[in-house]
Amino acid sequence: MNIFYDIPTGNWYHTHENAELFAGSAKEEISYKKDHSNQPLIPITIFPGNRMLAVGILTVPNPKKESGLGGNLTLFRDLSLYLLKHGILAYVFTGNALHSESMRGYVFSSISNKWIECKVPFPDIVYNRIPSRSYEASEEFQHLITLFKDYRMNLFNPCFIDKYVMFEALVEDGSLTNHLPPTMILRNSSCLDAFLETYRHIYLKPCKGSQGKGIYTIIKNDDDTLLFNSLKHSESFPDFASFWETKKGIY
């Protein structure tokens, strides 16, 4: 079965006469329409209950981009096209899309090579790809979580992950232990000094960071001088005490 989006009416239709089709978590009925000339057709997979699946990729607005969407649009495009290839409707949406009765989202068109805004069914699965922890802590996001539960949407990747919590989870899998570097929480200068003395070249990264921000390396040389590196610059220190006095406020 194929579906298509009719721009004049702003609705989705299917092409199989005398067939029923329901979409999304709200089981919205997709009607049949015979005339679909010049409309790009999307083959879909039919699941039990005459249902098609809808996956919504959640991000934030970005008025500086042509699409108006923030986040990793290249990833969103590739994921959308992959799901469409397997008969699953995929689209990107922002937080305010669920504040109205008719949900709006963005479907990627491989024909025009851009995101097309259109009416979409409520998603069966929400893939959370918001790019900032500040939005995750906002009232708007917490309201979205409530709506997802109310509409029985399955939320994948529900929150940013604490890096050390992730490390502890991986350590529990014995097959991964040998692939994990020694890791510890930076609690004070003594534990860092001892860790650096043992391993000589270490990484510092924030537990709640993302996108590579706030990551540093420290190298302890044979003469006990330290080289402190970030993505943008390097600094040298004659000893650990001088390093700690200068940099203790970064975490």
C-alpha atoms as a PDB file:
ATOM      1  CA  MET A   1       0.000   0.000   0.000  1.00  0.00           C
ATOM      2  CA  ASN A   2       1.099   3.568  -0.706  1.00  0.00           C
ATOM      3  CA  ILE A   3       0.302   6.815   1.037  1.00  0.00           C
ATOM      4  CA  PHE A   4       0.684  10.385  -0.136  1.00  0.00           C
ATOM      5  CA  TYR A   5       0.276  13.881   1.245  1.00  0.00           C
ATOM      6  CA  ASP A   6      -2.282  16.051  -0.535  1.00  0.00           C
ATOM      7  CA  ILE A   7      -1.093  19.640  -0.194  1.00  0.00           C
ATOM      8  CA  PRO A   8      -4.407  21.354  -1.164  1.00  0.00           C
ATOM      9  CA  THR A   9      -6.368  19.547   1.556  1.00  0.00           C
ATOM     10  CA  GLY A  10      -3.485  19.149   4.004  1.00  0.00           C
ATOM     11  CA  ASN A  11      -4.258  15.479   4.586  1.00  0.00           C
ATOM     12  CA  TRP A  12      -2.663  12.069   4.132  1.00  0.00           C
ATOM     13  CA  TYR A  13      -4.398   9.503   1.931  1.00  0.00           C
ATOM     14  CA  HIS A  14      -3.792   5.927   0.842  1.00  0.00           C
ATOM     15  CA  THR A  15      -4.194   4.368  -2.594  1.00  0.00           C
ATOM     16  CA  HIS A  16      -5.786   0.994  -1.834  1.00  0.00           C
ATOM     17  CA  GLU A  17      -9.523   1.037  -2.486  1.00  0.00           C
ATOM     18  CA  ASN A  18     -11.764  -0.732   0.058  1.00  0.00           C
ATOM     19  CA  ALA A  19      -8.918  -0.882   2.608  1.00  0.00           C
ATOM     20  CA  GLU A  20      -8.730   0.583   6.082  1.00  0.00           C
ATOM     21  CA  LEU A  21      -5.591   2.263   7.381  1.00  0.00           C
ATOM     22  CA  PHE A  22      -4.829   3.839  10.754  1.00  0.00           C
ATOM     23  CA  ALA A  23      -1.747   5.814  11.696  1.00  0.00           C
ATOM     24  CA  GLY A  24       0.097   6.816  14.831  1.00  0.00           C
ATOM     25  CA  SER A  25      -0.581   6.500  18.532  1.00  0.00           C
ATOM     26  CA  ALA A  26      -4.036   8.097  18.159  1.00  0.00           C
ATOM     27  CA  LYS A  27      -4.937   5.564  15.431  1.00  0.00           C
ATOM     28  CA  GLU A  28      -5.920   8.348  13.083  1.00  0.00           C
ATOM     29  CA  GLU A  29      -7.763   7.012  10.058  1.00  0.00           C
ATOM     30  CA  ILE A  30      -6.071   7.580   6.711  1.00  0.00           C
ATOM     31  CA  SER A  31      -8.721   7.771   3.989  1.00  0.00           C
ATOM     32  CA  TYR A  32      -8.606   6.391   0.484  1.00  0.00           C
ATOM     33  CA  LYS A  33      -8.309   8.801  -2.431  1.00  0.00           C
ATOM     34  CA  LYS A  34      -8.372   7.625  -6.019  1.00  0.00           C
ATOM     35  CA  ASP A  35      -6.833  10.677  -7.658  1.00  0.00           C
ATOM     36  CA  HIS A  36      -3.163  10.850  -6.773  1.00  0.00           C
ATOM     37  CA  SER A  37      -1.706  12.017 -10.057  1.00  0.00           C
ATOM     38  CA  ASN A  38       1.594  13.888  -9.746  1.00  0.00           C
ATOM     39  CA  GLN A  39       1.777  13.022  -6.045  1.00  0.00           C
ATOM     40  CA  PRO A  40       4.936  11.342  -4.696  1.00  0.00           C
ATOM     41  CA  LEU A  41       3.858   7.967  -3.301  1.00  0.00           C
ATOM     42  CA  ILE A  42       5.350   6.486  -0.133  1.00  0.00           C
ATOM     43  CA  PRO A  43       5.200   2.678   0.192  1.00  0.00           C
ATOM     44  CA  ILE A  44       4.316   1.684   3.743  1.00  0.00           C
ATOM     45  CA  THR A  45       4.389  -1.475   5.829  1.00  0.00           C
ATOM     46  CA  ILE A  46       1.059  -2.593   7.254  1.00  0.00           C
ATOM     47  CA  PHE A  47       1.142  -3.783  10.854  1.00  0.00           C
ATOM     48  CA  PRO A  48      -1.565  -5.714  12.750  1.00  0.00           C
ATOM     49  CA  GLY A  49      -4.815  -3.808  13.054  1.00  0.00           C
ATOM     50  CA  ASN A  50      -4.358  -2.208   9.606  1.00  0.00           C
ATOM     51  CA  ARG A  51      -1.873   0.185  11.140  1.00  0.00           C
ATOM     52  CA  MET A  52       1.123   2.065   9.826  1.00  0.00           C
ATOM     53  CA  LEU A  53       3.825   3.235  12.227  1.00  0.00           C
ATOM     54  CA  ALA A  54       4.843   6.851  12.662  1.00  0.00           C
ATOM     55  CA  VAL A  55       8.159   7.888  14.222  1.00  0.00           C
ATOM     56  CA  GLY A  56       8.620  11.487  15.341  1.00  0.00           C
ATOM     57  CA  ILE A  57      12.114  12.894  15.870  1.00  0.00           C
ATOM     58  CA  LEU A  58      11.934  15.585  18.542  1.00  0.00           C
ATOM     59  CA  THR A  59      14.210  18.608  18.253  1.00  0.00           C
ATOM     60  CA  VAL A  60      14.087  22.356  18.920  1.00  0.00           C
ATOM     61  CA  PRO A  61      13.460  25.296  16.580  1.00  0.00           C
ATOM     62  CA  ASN A  62      16.368  27.168  15.029  1.00  0.00           C
ATOM     63  CA  PRO A  63      15.256  30.260  13.083  1.00  0.00           C
ATOM     64  CA  LYS A  64      18.782  30.690  11.690  1.00  0.00           C
ATOM     65  CA  LYS A  65      18.420  27.564   9.548  1.00  0.00           C
ATOM     66  CA  GLU A  66      16.396  27.497   6.348  1.00  0.00           C
ATOM     67  CA  SER A  67      14.246  24.650   7.626  1.00  0.00           C
ATOM     68  CA  GLY A  68      13.704  26.379  10.966  1.00  0.00           C
ATOM     69  CA  LEU A  69      14.858  23.199  12.709  1.00  0.00           C
ATOM     70  CA  GLY A  70      17.703  22.771  15.161  1.00  0.00           C
ATOM     71  CA  GLY A  71      19.779  19.714  15.913  1.00  0.00           C
ATOM     72  CA  ASN A  72      21.649  17.299  13.667  1.00  0.00           C
ATOM     73  CA  LEU A  73      19.674  17.617  10.439  1.00  0.00           C
ATOM     74  CA  THR A  74      21.994  15.307   8.530  1.00  0.00           C
ATOM     75  CA  LEU A  75      21.281  12.531  11.015  1.00  0.00           C
ATOM     76  CA  PHE A  76      17.559  13.313  10.924  1.00  0.00           C
ATOM     77  CA  ARG A  77      17.537  13.132   7.120  1.00  0.00           C
ATOM     78  CA  ASP A  78      19.397   9.814   6.979  1.00  0.00           C
ATOM     79  CA  LEU A  79      17.218   8.276   9.685  1.00  0.00           C
ATOM     80  CA  SER A  80      14.020   9.521   8.038  1.00  0.00           C
ATOM     81  CA  LEU A  81      14.979   8.123   4.645  1.00  0.00           C
ATOM     82  CA  TYR A  82      15.995   4.799   6.203  1.00  0.00           C
ATOM     83  CA  LEU A  83      12.650   4.437   7.988  1.00  0.00           C
ATOM     84  CA  LEU A  84      10.700   5.487   4.899  1.00  0.00           C
ATOM     85  CA  LYS A  85      12.608   2.865   2.939  1.00  0.00           C
ATOM     86  CA  HIS A  86      11.253   0.284   5.388  1.00  0.00           C
ATOM     87  CA  GLY A  87       7.671   1.500   5.156  1.00  0.00           C
ATOM     88  CA  ILE A  88       7.574   3.628   8.303  1.00  0.00           C
ATOM     89  CA  LEU A  89       6.522   7.270   8.210  1.00  0.00           C
ATOM     90  CA  ALA A  90       9.187   9.434   9.851  1.00  0.00           C
ATOM     91  CA  TYR A  91       9.221  13.144  10.482  1.00  0.00           C
ATOM     92  CA  VAL A  92      10.867  15.802  12.635  1.00  0.00           C
ATOM     93  CA  PHE A  93       8.848  17.947  15.031  1.00  0.00           C
ATOM     94  CA  THR A  94       9.417  20.566  17.713  1.00  0.00           C
ATOM     95  CA  GLY A  95       7.888  20.943  21.168  1.00  0.00           C
ATOM     96  CA  ASN A  96       5.085  23.283  20.173  1.00  0.00           C
ATOM     97  CA  ALA A  97       3.726  20.822  17.594  1.00  0.00           C
ATOM     98  CA  LEU A  98       1.801  18.967  20.287  1.00  0.00           C
ATOM     99  CA  HIS A  99       0.063  22.038  21.640  1.00  0.00           C
ATOM    100  CA  SER A 100      -2.584  21.985  18.927  1.00  0.00           C
ATOM    101  CA  GLU A 101      -5.172  19.450  17.784  1.00  0.00           C
ATOM    102  CA  SER A 102      -3.557  18.916  14.386  1.00  0.00           C
ATOM    103  CA  MET A 103       0.100  18.101  14.786  1.00  0.00           C
ATOM    104  CA  ARG A 104       2.615  19.618  12.392  1.00  0.00           C
ATOM    105  CA  GLY A 105       5.931  18.058  11.449  1.00  0.00           C
ATOM    106  CA  TYR A 106       8.584  18.045   8.746  1.00  0.00           C
ATOM    107  CA  VAL A 107       8.995  15.181   6.285  1.00  0.00           C
ATOM    108  CA  PHE A 108      12.190  15.061   4.248  1.00  0.00           C
ATOM    109  CA  SER A 109      11.615  15.020   0.505  1.00  0.00           C
ATOM    110  CA  SER A 110      14.342  13.287  -1.472  1.00  0.00           C
ATOM    111  CA  ILE A 111      12.849  14.829  -4.611  1.00  0.00           C
ATOM    112  CA  SER A 112      13.239  18.462  -3.548  1.00  0.00           C
ATOM    113  CA  ASN A 113      16.064  17.661  -1.081  1.00  0.00           C
ATOM    114  CA  LYS A 114      14.493  19.657   1.722  1.00  0.00           C
ATOM    115  CA  TRP A 115      12.185  19.411   4.708  1.00  0.00           C
ATOM    116  CA  ILE A 116       8.494  19.835   3.915  1.00  0.00           C
ATOM    117  CA  GLU A 117       6.165  21.043   6.654  1.00  0.00           C
ATOM    118  CA  CYS A 118       2.877  19.159   6.748  1.00  0.00           C
ATOM    119  CA  LYS A 119       0.195  17.745   8.999  1.00  0.00           C
ATOM    120  CA  VAL A 120       1.312  14.467  10.575  1.00  0.00           C
ATOM    121  CA  PRO A 121      -0.273  11.793  12.767  1.00  0.00           C
ATOM    122  CA  PHE A 122       0.734  11.593  16.403  1.00  0.00           C
ATOM    123  CA  PRO A 123       3.851   9.397  16.572  1.00  0.00           C
ATOM    124  CA  ASP A 124       3.905   5.849  17.903  1.00  0.00           C
ATOM    125  CA  ILE A 125       7.547   6.407  18.852  1.00  0.00           C
ATOM    126  CA  VAL A 126       9.268   9.653  19.798  1.00  0.00           C
ATOM    127  CA  TYR A 127      13.026   9.734  19.310  1.00  0.00           C
ATOM    128  CA  ASN A 128      14.263  12.471  21.625  1.00  0.00           C
ATOM    129  CA  ARG A 129      17.065  14.413  19.923  1.00  0.00           C
ATOM    130  CA  ILE A 130      16.847  17.772  21.687  1.00  0.00           C
ATOM    131  CA  PRO A 131      20.368  19.233  21.653  1.00  0.00           C
ATOM    132  CA  SER A 132      20.516  21.007  25.013  1.00  0.00           C
ATOM    133  CA  ARG A 133      20.231  20.102  28.672  1.00  0.00           C
ATOM    134  CA  SER A 134      18.682  23.496  29.423  1.00  0.00           C
ATOM    135  CA  TYR A 135      15.634  22.653  27.284  1.00  0.00           C
ATOM    136  CA  GLU A 136      15.409  19.251  28.949  1.00  0.00           C
ATOM    137  CA  ALA A 137      15.083  21.054  32.299  1.00  0.00           C
ATOM    138  CA  SER A 138      12.391  23.444  31.025  1.00  0.00           C
ATOM    139  CA  GLU A 139       8.703  23.334  31.915  1.00  0.00           C
ATOM    140  CA  GLU A 140       7.852  22.959  28.238  1.00  0.00           C
ATOM    141  CA  PHE A 141       9.818  19.717  27.969  1.00  0.00           C
ATOM    142  CA  GLN A 142       8.304  18.345  31.167  1.00  0.00           C
ATOM    143  CA  HIS A 143       4.863  19.154  29.743  1.00  0.00           C
ATOM    144  CA  LEU A 144       5.798  17.220  26.610  1.00  0.00           C
ATOM    145  CA  ILE A 145       6.730  14.187  28.688  1.00  0.00           C
ATOM    146  CA  THR A 146       3.255  14.281  30.218  1.00  0.00           C
ATOM    147  CA  LEU A 147       1.643  14.502  26.782  1.00  0.00           C
ATOM    148  CA  PHE A 148       3.699  11.580  25.508  1.00  0.00           C
ATOM    149  CA  LYS A 149       2.360   9.475  28.363  1.00  0.00           C
ATOM    150  CA  ASP A 150      -1.211  10.690  27.861  1.00  0.00           C
ATOM    151  CA  TYR A 151      -1.115   9.768  24.177  1.00  0.00           C
ATOM    152  CA  ARG A 152       0.707   6.477  24.899  1.00  0.00           C
ATOM    153  CA  MET A 153       3.694   7.413  22.794  1.00  0.00           C
ATOM    154  CA  ASN A 154       6.836   5.376  23.346  1.00  0.00           C
ATOM    155  CA  LEU A 155       9.739   7.677  24.232  1.00  0.00           C
ATOM    156  CA  PHE A 156      13.187   6.564  23.117  1.00  0.00           C
ATOM    157  CA  ASN A 157      16.302   8.269  24.529  1.00  0.00           C
ATOM    158  CA  PRO A 158      14.303  10.026  27.271  1.00  0.00           C
ATOM    159  CA  CYS A 159      17.075  12.213  28.676  1.00  0.00           C
ATOM    160  CA  PHE A 160      20.720  13.172  28.598  1.00  0.00           C
ATOM    161  CA  ILE A 161      22.834  10.518  30.295  1.00  0.00           C
ATOM    162  CA  ASP A 162      25.265  11.154  33.105  1.00  0.00           C
ATOM    163  CA  LYS A 163      28.607   9.932  31.761  1.00  0.00           C
ATOM    164  CA  TYR A 164      29.640   8.199  34.972  1.00  0.00           C
ATOM    165  CA  VAL A 165      26.283   6.467  35.307  1.00  0.00           C
ATOM    166  CA  MET A 166      26.830   5.176  31.778  1.00  0.00           C
ATOM    167  CA  PHE A 167      30.313   3.975  32.707  1.00  0.00           C
ATOM    168  CA  GLU A 168      28.954   2.086  35.721  1.00  0.00           C
ATOM    169  CA  ALA A 169      26.307   0.453  33.537  1.00  0.00           C
ATOM    170  CA  LEU A 170      28.920  -0.668  31.005  1.00  0.00           C
ATOM    171  CA  VAL A 171      31.197  -2.050  33.722  1.00  0.00           C
ATOM    172  CA  GLU A 172      28.421  -4.437  34.766  1.00  0.00           C
ATOM    173  CA  ASP A 173      28.761  -6.174  31.399  1.00  0.00           C
ATOM    174  CA  GLY A 174      31.806  -8.398  31.816  1.00  0.00           C
ATOM    175  CA  SER A 175      32.427  -8.605  28.067  1.00  0.00           C
ATOM    176  CA  LEU A 176      33.080  -4.842  27.955  1.00  0.00           C
ATOM    177  CA  THR A 177      35.320  -4.478  30.997  1.00  0.00           C
ATOM    178  CA  ASN A 178      38.611  -4.873  29.121  1.00  0.00           C
ATOM    179  CA  HIS A 179      37.582  -2.174  26.653  1.00  0.00           C
ATOM    180  CA  LEU A 180      36.813   0.505  29.255  1.00  0.00           C
ATOM    181  CA  PRO A 181      39.518   2.895  30.473  1.00  0.00           C
ATOM    182  CA  PRO A 182      40.049   3.370  34.218  1.00  0.00           C
ATOM    183  CA  THR A 183      37.545   6.033  35.268  1.00  0.00           C
ATOM    184  CA  MET A 184      36.811   7.898  38.479  1.00  0.00           C
ATOM    185  CA  ILE A 185      34.824  10.855  39.762  1.00  0.00           C
ATOM    186  CA  LEU A 186      36.916  13.978  40.358  1.00  0.00           C
ATOM    187  CA  ARG A 187      36.142  14.787  43.984  1.00  0.00           C
ATOM    188  CA  ASN A 188      39.243  16.704  45.108  1.00  0.00           C
ATOM    189  CA  SER A 189      42.812  17.555  44.195  1.00  0.00           C
ATOM    190  CA  SER A 190      44.285  14.491  45.911  1.00  0.00           C
ATOM    191  CA  CYS A 191      42.346  11.969  43.855  1.00  0.00           C
ATOM    192  CA  LEU A 192      43.228  13.783  40.626  1.00  0.00           C
ATOM    193  CA  ASP A 193      46.903  14.014  41.556  1.00  0.00           C
ATOM    194  CA  ALA A 194      47.042  10.294  42.340  1.00  0.00           C
ATOM    195  CA  PHE A 195      45.169   9.357  39.159  1.00  0.00           C
ATOM    196  CA  LEU A 196      47.503  11.500  37.077  1.00  0.00           C
ATOM    197  CA  GLU A 197      50.570  10.032  38.760  1.00  0.00           C
ATOM    198  CA  THR A 198      49.377   6.540  37.852  1.00  0.00           C
ATOM    199  CA  TYR A 199      48.259   7.078  34.250  1.00  0.00           C
ATOM    200  CA  ARG A 200      50.282  10.166  33.197  1.00  0.00           C
ATOM    201  CA  HIS A 201      47.980  11.044  30.265  1.00  0.00           C
ATOM    202  CA  ILE A 202      44.324  11.439  31.227  1.00  0.00           C
ATOM    203  CA  TYR A 203      41.076  12.971  30.033  1.00  0.00           C
ATOM    204  CA  LEU A 204      38.774  15.246  32.000  1.00  0.00           C
ATOM    205  CA  LYS A 205      35.167  15.441  30.909  1.00  0.00           C
ATOM    206  CA  PRO A 206      31.972  16.714  32.567  1.00  0.00           C
ATOM    207  CA  CYS A 207      29.467  14.062  33.643  1.00  0.00           C
ATOM    208  CA  LYS A 208      26.600  16.083  32.220  1.00  0.00           C
ATOM    209  CA  GLY A 209      28.324  17.498  29.152  1.00  0.00           C
ATOM    210  CA  SER A 210      27.453  16.877  25.511  1.00  0.00           C
ATOM    211  CA  GLN A 211      28.763  17.417  21.988  1.00  0.00           C
ATOM    212  CA  GLY A 212      32.379  17.277  23.118  1.00  0.00           C
ATOM    213  CA  LYS A 213      32.170  20.449  25.184  1.00  0.00           C
ATOM    214  CA  GLY A 214      34.322  20.790  28.295  1.00  0.00           C
ATOM    215  CA  ILE A 215      36.702  17.930  27.484  1.00  0.00           C
ATOM    216  CA  TYR A 216      40.379  18.401  28.377  1.00  0.00           C
ATOM    217  CA  THR A 217      43.520  16.293  28.493  1.00  0.00           C
ATOM    218  CA  ILE A 218      46.342  16.496  31.026  1.00  0.00           C
ATOM    219  CA  ILE A 219      49.787  15.066  30.372  1.00  0.00           C
ATOM    220  CA  LYS A 220      52.279  14.663  33.201  1.00  0.00           C
ATOM    221  CA  ASN A 221      55.829  14.755  31.878  1.00  0.00           C
ATOM    222  CA  ASP A 222      58.863  12.999  33.332  1.00  0.00           C
ATOM    223  CA  ASP A 223      59.967  16.223  35.046  1.00  0.00           C
ATOM    224  CA  ASP A 224      56.495  16.538  36.654  1.00  0.00           C
ATOM    225  CA  THR A 225      55.495  19.511  34.514  1.00  0.00           C
ATOM    226  CA  LEU A 226      51.932  19.369  33.201  1.00  0.00           C
ATOM    227  CA  LEU A 227      50.512  20.049  29.765  1.00  0.00           C
ATOM    228  CA  PHE A 228      46.828  21.000  29.825  1.00  0.00           C
ATOM    229  CA  ASN A 229      44.996  20.825  26.470  1.00  0.00           C
ATOM    230  CA  SER A 230      41.584  21.880  25.268  1.00  0.00           C
ATOM    231  CA  LEU A 231      40.274  21.967  21.720  1.00  0.00           C
ATOM    232  CA  LYS A 232      41.398  25.552  21.284  1.00  0.00           C
ATOM    233  CA  HIS A 233      44.596  26.004  23.299  1.00  0.00           C
ATOM    234  CA  SER A 234      47.312  24.426  25.438  1.00  0.00           C
ATOM    235  CA  GLU A 235      48.884  25.543  28.697  1.00  0.00           C
ATOM    236  CA  SER A 236      51.934  24.380  30.627  1.00  0.00           C
ATOM    237  CA  PHE A 237      52.339  24.278  34.403  1.00  0.00           C
ATOM    238  CA  PRO A 238      55.525  23.664  36.423  1.00  0.00           C
ATOM    239  CA  ASP A 239      53.774  21.269  38.826  1.00  0.00           C
ATOM    240  CA  PHE A 240      50.423  19.913  39.918  1.00  0.00           C
ATOM    241  CA  ALA A 241      49.913  22.495  42.673  1.00  0.00           C
ATOM    242  CA  SER A 242      50.127  25.412  40.250  1.00  0.00           C
ATOM    243  CA  PHE A 243      47.797  23.636  37.823  1.00  0.00           C
ATOM    244  CA  TRP A 244      45.202  22.984  40.523  1.00  0.00           C
ATOM    245  CA  GLU A 245      45.328  26.542  41.816  1.00  0.00           C
ATOM    246  CA  THR A 246      44.646  27.878  38.319  1.00  0.00           C
ATOM    247  CA  LYS A 247      42.170  25.303  36.975  1.00  0.00           C
ATOM    248  CA  LYS A 248      40.308  23.968  39.996  1.00  0.00           C
ATOM    249  CA  GLY A 249      37.213  25.964  39.041  1.00  0.00           C
ATOM    250  CA  ILE A 250      36.624  24.319  35.652  1.00  0.00           C
ATOM    251  CA  TYR A 251      34.544  21.526  37.244  1.00  0.00           C
END
